[in-house]
Each structure stands twice: as C-alpha cells, then as structure tokens.
Amino acid sequence: MAENGKNCDQRRVAMNKEHHNGNFTDPSSVNEKKRREREERQNIVLWRQPLITLQYFSLEILVILKEWTSKLWHRQSI
C-alpha cells in the first residue's frame, strides 16, 4: 500500500505543466494555432470578405435578439 502511494506521488511530481488530461500539448503548436486564429480574425473585414462578414453579423444579431426576447419574456412574467 505504501509503495502504491509512493508511485502516485512520483508520477504527480513528474508531470509537466503542459501535460493535461493525459494529452501532451506542445507549447509551440499552441502558439502557432493562436497566431493562425488571430490572423484569420483580422482578415474578416467587410471590404475583403463581405459575404462572410454579413453572415457573421446576421448570426450575431439573431443571438442577441434571442437573448433579448428571452429576458423580456421572463421580465413580463415577473
């Protein structure tokens, strides 16, 4: 029993900060992914991709209207 507890402590100490839920995440790949996502967000502007921009705008408006309607409906019952 004592040996088992000792092994668990050793494994816990040996884990890196990058080791999450049994998956090893490479910090350089995470940084690369964040950089690519940031570049993609910067490229979504009205004058470069108007249809995609309008699509996202429409979807965001629908979400906002849904939330607003839900809040209004709940306040009406109060």
PDB file of N, CA and C in Angstrom:
ATOM      1  N   MET A   1       0.807  -1.179   0.000  1.00  0.00           N
ATOM      2  CA  MET A   1       0.000   0.000   0.000  1.00  0.00           C
ATOM      3  C   MET A   1       0.857   1.252   0.000  1.00  0.00           C
ATOM      4  N   ALA A   2       1.901   1.253   0.835  1.00  0.00           N
ATOM      5  CA  ALA A   2       2.783   2.409   0.912  1.00  0.00           C
ATOM      6  C   ALA A   2       3.533   2.607  -0.400  1.00  0.00           C
ATOM      7  N   GLU A   3       3.903   1.506  -1.048  1.00  0.00           N
ATOM      8  CA  GLU A   3       4.610   1.625  -2.321  1.00  0.00           C
ATOM      9  C   GLU A   3       3.711   2.224  -3.387  1.00  0.00           C
ATOM     10  N   ASN A   4       2.450   1.846  -3.369  1.00  0.00           N
ATOM     11  CA  ASN A   4       1.499   2.382  -4.336  1.00  0.00           C
ATOM     12  C   ASN A   4       1.357   3.892  -4.160  1.00  0.00           C
ATOM     13  N   GLY A   5       1.241   4.358  -2.945  1.00  0.00           N
ATOM     14  CA  GLY A   5       1.141   5.788  -2.688  1.00  0.00           C
ATOM     15  C   GLY A   5       2.396   6.521  -3.103  1.00  0.00           C
ATOM     16  N   LYS A   6       3.523   5.898  -2.900  1.00  0.00           N
ATOM     17  CA  LYS A   6       4.795   6.497  -3.287  1.00  0.00           C
ATOM     18  C   LYS A   6       4.871   6.665  -4.801  1.00  0.00           C
ATOM     19  N   ASN A   7       4.410   5.649  -5.550  1.00  0.00           N
ATOM     20  CA  ASN A   7       4.416   5.723  -7.009  1.00  0.00           C
ATOM     21  C   ASN A   7       3.507   6.842  -7.508  1.00  0.00           C
ATOM     22  N   CYS A   8       2.361   7.006  -6.892  1.00  0.00           N
ATOM     23  CA  CYS A   8       1.427   8.062  -7.295  1.00  0.00           C
ATOM     24  C   CYS A   8       2.046   9.440  -7.096  1.00  0.00           C
ATOM     25  N   ASP A   9       2.726   9.618  -5.961  1.00  0.00           N
ATOM     26  CA  ASP A   9       3.369  10.907  -5.691  1.00  0.00           C
ATOM     27  C   ASP A   9       4.464  11.185  -6.706  1.00  0.00           C
ATOM     28  N   GLN A  10       5.214  10.177  -7.069  1.00  0.00           N
ATOM     29  CA  GLN A  10       6.293  10.360  -8.037  1.00  0.00           C
ATOM     30  C   GLN A  10       5.725  10.738  -9.400  1.00  0.00           C
ATOM     31  N   ARG A  11       4.622  10.107  -9.812  1.00  0.00           N
ATOM     32  CA  ARG A  11       4.020  10.439 -11.095  1.00  0.00           C
ATOM     33  C   ARG A  11       3.474  11.858 -11.097  1.00  0.00           C
ATOM     34  N   ARG A  12       2.875  12.266 -10.004  1.00  0.00           N
ATOM     35  CA  ARG A  12       2.304  13.601  -9.903  1.00  0.00           C
ATOM     36  C   ARG A  12       3.401  14.660 -10.008  1.00  0.00           C
ATOM     37  N   VAL A  13       4.533  14.424  -9.353  1.00  0.00           N
ATOM     38  CA  VAL A  13       5.649  15.368  -9.381  1.00  0.00           C
ATOM     39  C   VAL A  13       6.264  15.414 -10.772  1.00  0.00           C
ATOM     40  N   ALA A  14       6.288  14.298 -11.463  1.00  0.00           N
ATOM     41  CA  ALA A  14       6.955  14.217 -12.756  1.00  0.00           C
ATOM     42  C   ALA A  14       6.170  14.887 -13.883  1.00  0.00           C
ATOM     43  N   MET A  15       4.898  15.185 -13.680  1.00  0.00           N
ATOM     44  CA  MET A  15       4.090  15.775 -14.747  1.00  0.00           C
ATOM     45  C   MET A  15       4.509  17.212 -15.031  1.00  0.00           C
ATOM     46  N   ASN A  16       4.524  17.559 -16.299  1.00  0.00           N
ATOM     47  CA  ASN A  16       4.789  18.933 -16.708  1.00  0.00           C
ATOM     48  C   ASN A  16       3.519  19.758 -16.653  1.00  0.00           C
ATOM     49  N   LYS A  17       3.674  21.066 -16.734  1.00  0.00           N
ATOM     50  CA  LYS A  17       2.505  21.934 -16.796  1.00  0.00           C
ATOM     51  C   LYS A  17       1.742  21.726 -18.103  1.00  0.00           C
ATOM     52  N   GLU A  18       2.450  21.307 -19.155  1.00  0.00           N
ATOM     53  CA  GLU A  18       1.813  21.115 -20.460  1.00  0.00           C
ATOM     54  C   GLU A  18       1.052  19.795 -20.548  1.00  0.00           C
ATOM     55  N   HIS A  19       1.133  18.962 -19.545  1.00  0.00           N
ATOM     56  CA  HIS A  19       0.505  17.645 -19.574  1.00  0.00           C
ATOM     57  C   HIS A  19      -0.875  17.758 -18.947  1.00  0.00           C
ATOM     58  N   HIS A  20      -1.924  17.766 -19.780  1.00  0.00           N
ATOM     59  CA  HIS A  20      -3.288  17.935 -19.303  1.00  0.00           C
ATOM     60  C   HIS A  20      -4.148  16.766 -19.763  1.00  0.00           C
ATOM     61  N   ASN A  21      -4.884  16.175 -18.861  1.00  0.00           N
ATOM     62  CA  ASN A  21      -5.848  15.120 -19.164  1.00  0.00           C
ATOM     63  C   ASN A  21      -5.268  14.003 -20.020  1.00  0.00           C
ATOM     64  N   GLY A  22      -4.035  13.632 -19.765  1.00  0.00           N
ATOM     65  CA  GLY A  22      -3.434  12.531 -20.491  1.00  0.00           C
ATOM     66  C   GLY A  22      -2.923  12.897 -21.859  1.00  0.00           C
ATOM     67  N   ASN A  23      -3.050  14.134 -22.296  1.00  0.00           N
ATOM     68  CA  ASN A  23      -2.570  14.569 -23.604  1.00  0.00           C
ATOM     69  C   ASN A  23      -1.424  15.544 -23.418  1.00  0.00           C
ATOM     70  N   PHE A  24      -0.378  15.361 -24.188  1.00  0.00           N
ATOM     71  CA  PHE A  24       0.750  16.276 -24.128  1.00  0.00           C
ATOM     72  C   PHE A  24       0.529  17.350 -25.175  1.00  0.00           C
ATOM     73  N   THR A  25       0.493  18.595 -24.747  1.00  0.00           N
ATOM     74  CA  THR A  25       0.308  19.696 -25.677  1.00  0.00           C
ATOM     75  C   THR A  25       1.627  20.426 -25.846  1.00  0.00           C
ATOM     76  N   ASP A  26       2.081  20.511 -27.051  1.00  0.00           N
ATOM     77  CA  ASP A  26       3.327  21.182 -27.377  1.00  0.00           C
ATOM     78  C   ASP A  26       3.096  22.689 -27.363  1.00  0.00           C
ATOM     79  N   PRO A  27       3.817  23.449 -26.546  1.00  0.00           N
ATOM     80  CA  PRO A  27       3.593  24.893 -26.464  1.00  0.00           C
ATOM     81  C   PRO A  27       3.776  25.599 -27.800  1.00  0.00           C
ATOM     82  N   SER A  28       4.690  25.132 -28.634  1.00  0.00           N
ATOM     83  CA  SER A  28       4.909  25.790 -29.919  1.00  0.00           C
ATOM     84  C   SER A  28       3.707  25.584 -30.845  1.00  0.00           C
ATOM     85  N   SER A  29       3.063  24.414 -30.792  1.00  0.00           N
ATOM     86  CA  SER A  29       1.897  24.180 -31.638  1.00  0.00           C
ATOM     87  C   SER A  29       0.706  24.997 -31.157  1.00  0.00           C
ATOM     88  N   VAL A  30       0.594  25.191 -29.848  1.00  0.00           N
ATOM     89  CA  VAL A  30      -0.485  26.007 -29.299  1.00  0.00           C
ATOM     90  C   VAL A  30      -0.300  27.456 -29.722  1.00  0.00           C
ATOM     91  N   ASN A  31       0.931  27.956 -29.635  1.00  0.00           N
ATOM     92  CA  ASN A  31       1.211  29.330 -30.047  1.00  0.00           C
ATOM     93  C   ASN A  31       0.967  29.519 -31.535  1.00  0.00           C
ATOM     94  N   GLU A  32       1.331  28.532 -32.332  1.00  0.00           N
ATOM     95  CA  GLU A  32       1.104  28.603 -33.776  1.00  0.00           C
ATOM     96  C   GLU A  32      -0.390  28.637 -34.083  1.00  0.00           C
ATOM     97  N   LYS A  33      -1.160  27.829 -33.382  1.00  0.00           N
ATOM     98  CA  LYS A  33      -2.609  27.798 -33.599  1.00  0.00           C
ATOM     99  C   LYS A  33      -3.238  29.139 -33.219  1.00  0.00           C
ATOM    100  N   LYS A  34      -2.805  29.717 -32.096  1.00  0.00           N
ATOM    101  CA  LYS A  34      -3.325  31.020 -31.676  1.00  0.00           C
ATOM    102  C   LYS A  34      -2.981  32.094 -32.701  1.00  0.00           C
ATOM    103  N   ARG A  35      -1.756  32.038 -33.241  1.00  0.00           N
ATOM    104  CA  ARG A  35      -1.335  33.027 -34.227  1.00  0.00           C
ATOM    105  C   ARG A  35      -2.191  32.924 -35.497  1.00  0.00           C
ATOM    106  N   ARG A  36      -2.430  31.683 -35.967  1.00  0.00           N
ATOM    107  CA  ARG A  36      -3.259  31.497 -37.160  1.00  0.00           C
ATOM    108  C   ARG A  36      -4.686  31.978 -36.940  1.00  0.00           C
ATOM    109  N   GLU A  37      -5.257  31.675 -35.769  1.00  0.00           N
ATOM    110  CA  GLU A  37      -6.616  32.117 -35.470  1.00  0.00           C
ATOM    111  C   GLU A  37      -6.697  33.642 -35.414  1.00  0.00           C
ATOM    112  N   ARG A  38      -5.675  34.276 -34.828  1.00  0.00           N
ATOM    113  CA  ARG A  38      -5.652  35.735 -34.758  1.00  0.00           C
ATOM    114  C   ARG A  38      -5.594  36.338 -36.158  1.00  0.00           C
ATOM    115  N   GLU A  39      -4.776  35.749 -37.035  1.00  0.00           N
ATOM    116  CA  GLU A  39      -4.684  36.232 -38.410  1.00  0.00           C
ATOM    117  C   GLU A  39      -6.012  36.059 -39.143  1.00  0.00           C
ATOM    118  N   GLU A  40      -6.689  34.941 -38.919  1.00  0.00           N
ATOM    119  CA  GLU A  40      -7.991  34.715 -39.550  1.00  0.00           C
ATOM    120  C   GLU A  40      -9.009  35.757 -39.094  1.00  0.00           C
ATOM    121  N   ARG A  41      -9.014  36.066 -37.788  1.00  0.00           N
ATOM    122  CA  ARG A  41      -9.950  37.074 -37.285  1.00  0.00           C
ATOM    123  C   ARG A  41      -9.653  38.448 -37.859  1.00  0.00           C
ATOM    124  N   GLN A  42      -8.382  38.762 -38.043  1.00  0.00           N
ATOM    125  CA  GLN A  42      -8.021  40.060 -38.599  1.00  0.00           C
ATOM    126  C   GLN A  42      -8.407  40.166 -40.064  1.00  0.00           C
ATOM    127  N   ASN A  43      -8.477  39.044 -40.760  1.00  0.00           N
ATOM    128  CA  ASN A  43      -8.835  39.057 -42.176  1.00  0.00           C
ATOM    129  C   ASN A  43     -10.332  39.164 -42.411  1.00  0.00           C
ATOM    130  N   ILE A  44     -11.150  38.987 -41.400  1.00  0.00           N
ATOM    131  CA  ILE A  44     -12.597  39.074 -41.574  1.00  0.00           C
ATOM    132  C   ILE A  44     -13.007  40.538 -41.434  1.00  0.00           C
ATOM    133  N   VAL A  45     -12.994  41.225 -42.550  1.00  0.00           N
ATOM    134  CA  VAL A  45     -13.427  42.621 -42.594  1.00  0.00           C
ATOM    135  C   VAL A  45     -14.386  42.789 -43.757  1.00  0.00           C
ATOM    136  N   LEU A  46     -15.212  43.800 -43.685  1.00  0.00           N
ATOM    137  CA  LEU A  46     -16.282  43.987 -44.662  1.00  0.00           C
ATOM    138  C   LEU A  46     -15.758  44.138 -46.083  1.00  0.00           C
ATOM    139  N   TRP A  47     -14.684  44.888 -46.291  1.00  0.00           N
ATOM    140  CA  TRP A  47     -14.234  45.156 -47.648  1.00  0.00           C
ATOM    141  C   TRP A  47     -13.434  44.013 -48.262  1.00  0.00           C
ATOM    142  N   ARG A  48     -12.976  43.040 -47.471  1.00  0.00           N
ATOM    143  CA  ARG A  48     -12.239  41.900 -48.035  1.00  0.00           C
ATOM    144  C   ARG A  48     -13.143  40.704 -48.283  1.00  0.00           C
ATOM    145  N   GLN A  49     -14.027  40.412 -47.342  1.00  0.00           N
ATOM    146  CA  GLN A  49     -14.925  39.267 -47.461  1.00  0.00           C
ATOM    147  C   GLN A  49     -16.326  39.704 -47.010  1.00  0.00           C
ATOM    148  N   PRO A  50     -17.034  40.434 -47.846  1.00  0.00           N
ATOM    149  CA  PRO A  50     -18.308  40.998 -47.408  1.00  0.00           C
ATOM    150  C   PRO A  50     -19.374  39.957 -47.076  1.00  0.00           C
ATOM    151  N   LEU A  51     -19.421  38.863 -47.797  1.00  0.00           N
ATOM    152  CA  LEU A  51     -20.468  37.869 -47.533  1.00  0.00           C
ATOM    153  C   LEU A  51     -20.245  37.151 -46.207  1.00  0.00           C
ATOM    154  N   ILE A  52     -19.025  36.808 -45.916  1.00  0.00           N
ATOM    155  CA  ILE A  52     -18.732  36.142 -44.643  1.00  0.00           C
ATOM    156  C   ILE A  52     -18.979  37.104 -43.491  1.00  0.00           C
ATOM    157  N   THR A  53     -18.576  38.362 -43.667  1.00  0.00           N
ATOM    158  CA  THR A  53     -18.795  39.360 -42.629  1.00  0.00           C
ATOM    159  C   THR A  53     -20.284  39.553 -42.372  1.00  0.00           C
ATOM    160  N   LEU A  54     -21.067  39.640 -43.419  1.00  0.00           N
ATOM    161  CA  LEU A  54     -22.513  39.792 -43.264  1.00  0.00           C
ATOM    162  C   LEU A  54     -23.151  38.549 -42.650  1.00  0.00           C
ATOM    163  N   GLN A  55     -22.615  37.392 -42.967  1.00  0.00           N
ATOM    164  CA  GLN A  55     -23.126  36.162 -42.373  1.00  0.00           C
ATOM    165  C   GLN A  55     -22.894  36.174 -40.862  1.00  0.00           C
ATOM    166  N   TYR A  56     -21.683  36.497 -40.432  1.00  0.00           N
ATOM    167  CA  TYR A  56     -21.392  36.558 -39.001  1.00  0.00           C
ATOM    168  C   TYR A  56     -22.221  37.640 -38.310  1.00  0.00           C
ATOM    169  N   PHE A  57     -22.387  38.764 -38.983  1.00  0.00           N
ATOM    170  CA  PHE A  57     -23.210  39.840 -38.442  1.00  0.00           C
ATOM    171  C   PHE A  57     -24.651  39.362 -38.229  1.00  0.00           C
ATOM    172  N   SER A  58     -25.194  38.686 -39.217  1.00  0.00           N
ATOM    173  CA  SER A  58     -26.572  38.187 -39.118  1.00  0.00           C
ATOM    174  C   SER A  58     -26.714  37.172 -37.988  1.00  0.00           C
ATOM    175  N   LEU A  59     -25.769  36.276 -37.884  1.00  0.00           N
ATOM    176  CA  LEU A  59     -25.831  35.281 -36.819  1.00  0.00           C
ATOM    177  C   LEU A  59     -25.728  35.937 -35.441  1.00  0.00           C
ATOM    178  N   GLU A  60     -24.866  36.924 -35.308  1.00  0.00           N
ATOM    179  CA  GLU A  60     -24.723  37.613 -34.034  1.00  0.00           C
ATOM    180  C   GLU A  60     -26.003  38.376 -33.679  1.00  0.00           C
ATOM    181  N   ILE A  61     -26.625  39.001 -34.667  1.00  0.00           N
ATOM    182  CA  ILE A  61     -27.896  39.707 -34.437  1.00  0.00           C
ATOM    183  C   ILE A  61     -28.967  38.732 -33.966  1.00  0.00           C
ATOM    184  N   LEU A  62     -29.031  37.557 -34.573  1.00  0.00           N
ATOM    185  CA  LEU A  62     -30.017  36.558 -34.160  1.00  0.00           C
ATOM    186  C   LEU A  62     -29.793  36.122 -32.707  1.00  0.00           C
ATOM    187  N   VAL A  63     -28.551  35.917 -32.325  1.00  0.00           N
ATOM    188  CA  VAL A  63     -28.247  35.516 -30.956  1.00  0.00           C
ATOM    189  C   VAL A  63     -28.651  36.620 -29.982  1.00  0.00           C
ATOM    190  N   ILE A  64     -28.319  37.852 -30.313  1.00  0.00           N
ATOM    191  CA  ILE A  64     -28.655  38.983 -29.445  1.00  0.00           C
ATOM    192  C   ILE A  64     -30.174  39.137 -29.327  1.00  0.00           C
ATOM    193  N   LEU A  65     -30.887  39.033 -30.431  1.00  0.00           N
ATOM    194  CA  LEU A  65     -32.346  39.147 -30.392  1.00  0.00           C
ATOM    195  C   LEU A  65     -32.977  38.015 -29.583  1.00  0.00           C
ATOM    196  N   LYS A  66     -32.446  36.823 -29.706  1.00  0.00           N
ATOM    197  CA  LYS A  66     -32.959  35.690 -28.928  1.00  0.00           C
ATOM    198  C   LYS A  66     -32.781  35.943 -27.434  1.00  0.00           C
ATOM    199  N   GLU A  67     -31.576  36.394 -27.043  1.00  0.00           N
ATOM    200  CA  GLU A  67     -31.325  36.686 -25.631  1.00  0.00           C
ATOM    201  C   GLU A  67     -32.227  37.819 -25.136  1.00  0.00           C
ATOM    202  N   TRP A  68     -32.372  38.856 -25.933  1.00  0.00           N
ATOM    203  CA  TRP A  68     -33.200  40.000 -25.554  1.00  0.00           C
ATOM    204  C   TRP A  68     -34.663  39.589 -25.400  1.00  0.00           C
ATOM    205  N   THR A  69     -35.157  38.785 -26.337  1.00  0.00           N
ATOM    206  CA  THR A  69     -36.534  38.316 -26.274  1.00  0.00           C
ATOM    207  C   THR A  69     -36.752  37.434 -25.049  1.00  0.00           C
ATOM    208  N   SER A  70     -35.799  36.574 -24.761  1.00  0.00           N
ATOM    209  CA  SER A  70     -35.901  35.705 -23.591  1.00  0.00           C
ATOM    210  C   SER A  70     -35.943  36.532 -22.305  1.00  0.00           C
ATOM    211  N   LYS A  71     -35.080  37.512 -22.185  1.00  0.00           N
ATOM    212  CA  LYS A  71     -35.071  38.366 -20.998  1.00  0.00           C
ATOM    213  C   LYS A  71     -36.376  39.144 -20.870  1.00  0.00           C
ATOM    214  N   LEU A  72     -36.858  39.664 -21.989  1.00  0.00           N
ATOM    215  CA  LEU A  72     -38.109  40.414 -21.980  1.00  0.00           C
ATOM    216  C   LEU A  72     -39.272  39.518 -21.569  1.00  0.00           C
ATOM    217  N   TRP A  73     -39.297  38.309 -22.070  1.00  0.00           N
ATOM    218  CA  TRP A  73     -40.369  37.367 -21.744  1.00  0.00           C
ATOM    219  C   TRP A  73     -40.361  37.024 -20.254  1.00  0.00           C
ATOM    220  N   HIS A  74     -39.172  36.804 -19.695  1.00  0.00           N
ATOM    221  CA  HIS A  74     -39.080  36.488 -18.275  1.00  0.00           C
ATOM    222  C   HIS A  74     -39.461  37.674 -17.393  1.00  0.00           C
ATOM    223  N   ARG A  75     -39.109  38.857 -17.807  1.00  0.00           N
ATOM    224  CA  ARG A  75     -39.485  40.051 -17.025  1.00  0.00           C
ATOM    225  C   ARG A  75     -40.987  40.325 -17.099  1.00  0.00           C
ATOM    226  N   GLN A  76     -41.602  39.950 -18.194  1.00  0.00           N
ATOM    227  CA  GLN A  76     -43.041  40.143 -18.332  1.00  0.00           C
ATOM    228  C   GLN A  76     -43.787  39.280 -17.301  1.00  0.00           C
ATOM    229  N   SER A  77     -43.286  38.078 -17.090  1.00  0.00           N
ATOM    230  CA  SER A  77     -43.967  37.196 -16.138  1.00  0.00           C
ATOM    231  C   SER A  77     -43.746  37.645 -14.703  1.00  0.00           C
ATOM    232  N   ILE A  78     -42.697  38.399 -14.425  1.00  0.00           N
ATOM    233  CA  ILE A  78     -42.438  38.887 -13.072  1.00  0.00           C
ATOM    234  C   ILE A  78     -43.355  40.047 -12.830  1.00  0.00           C
TER     235      ILE A  78
END
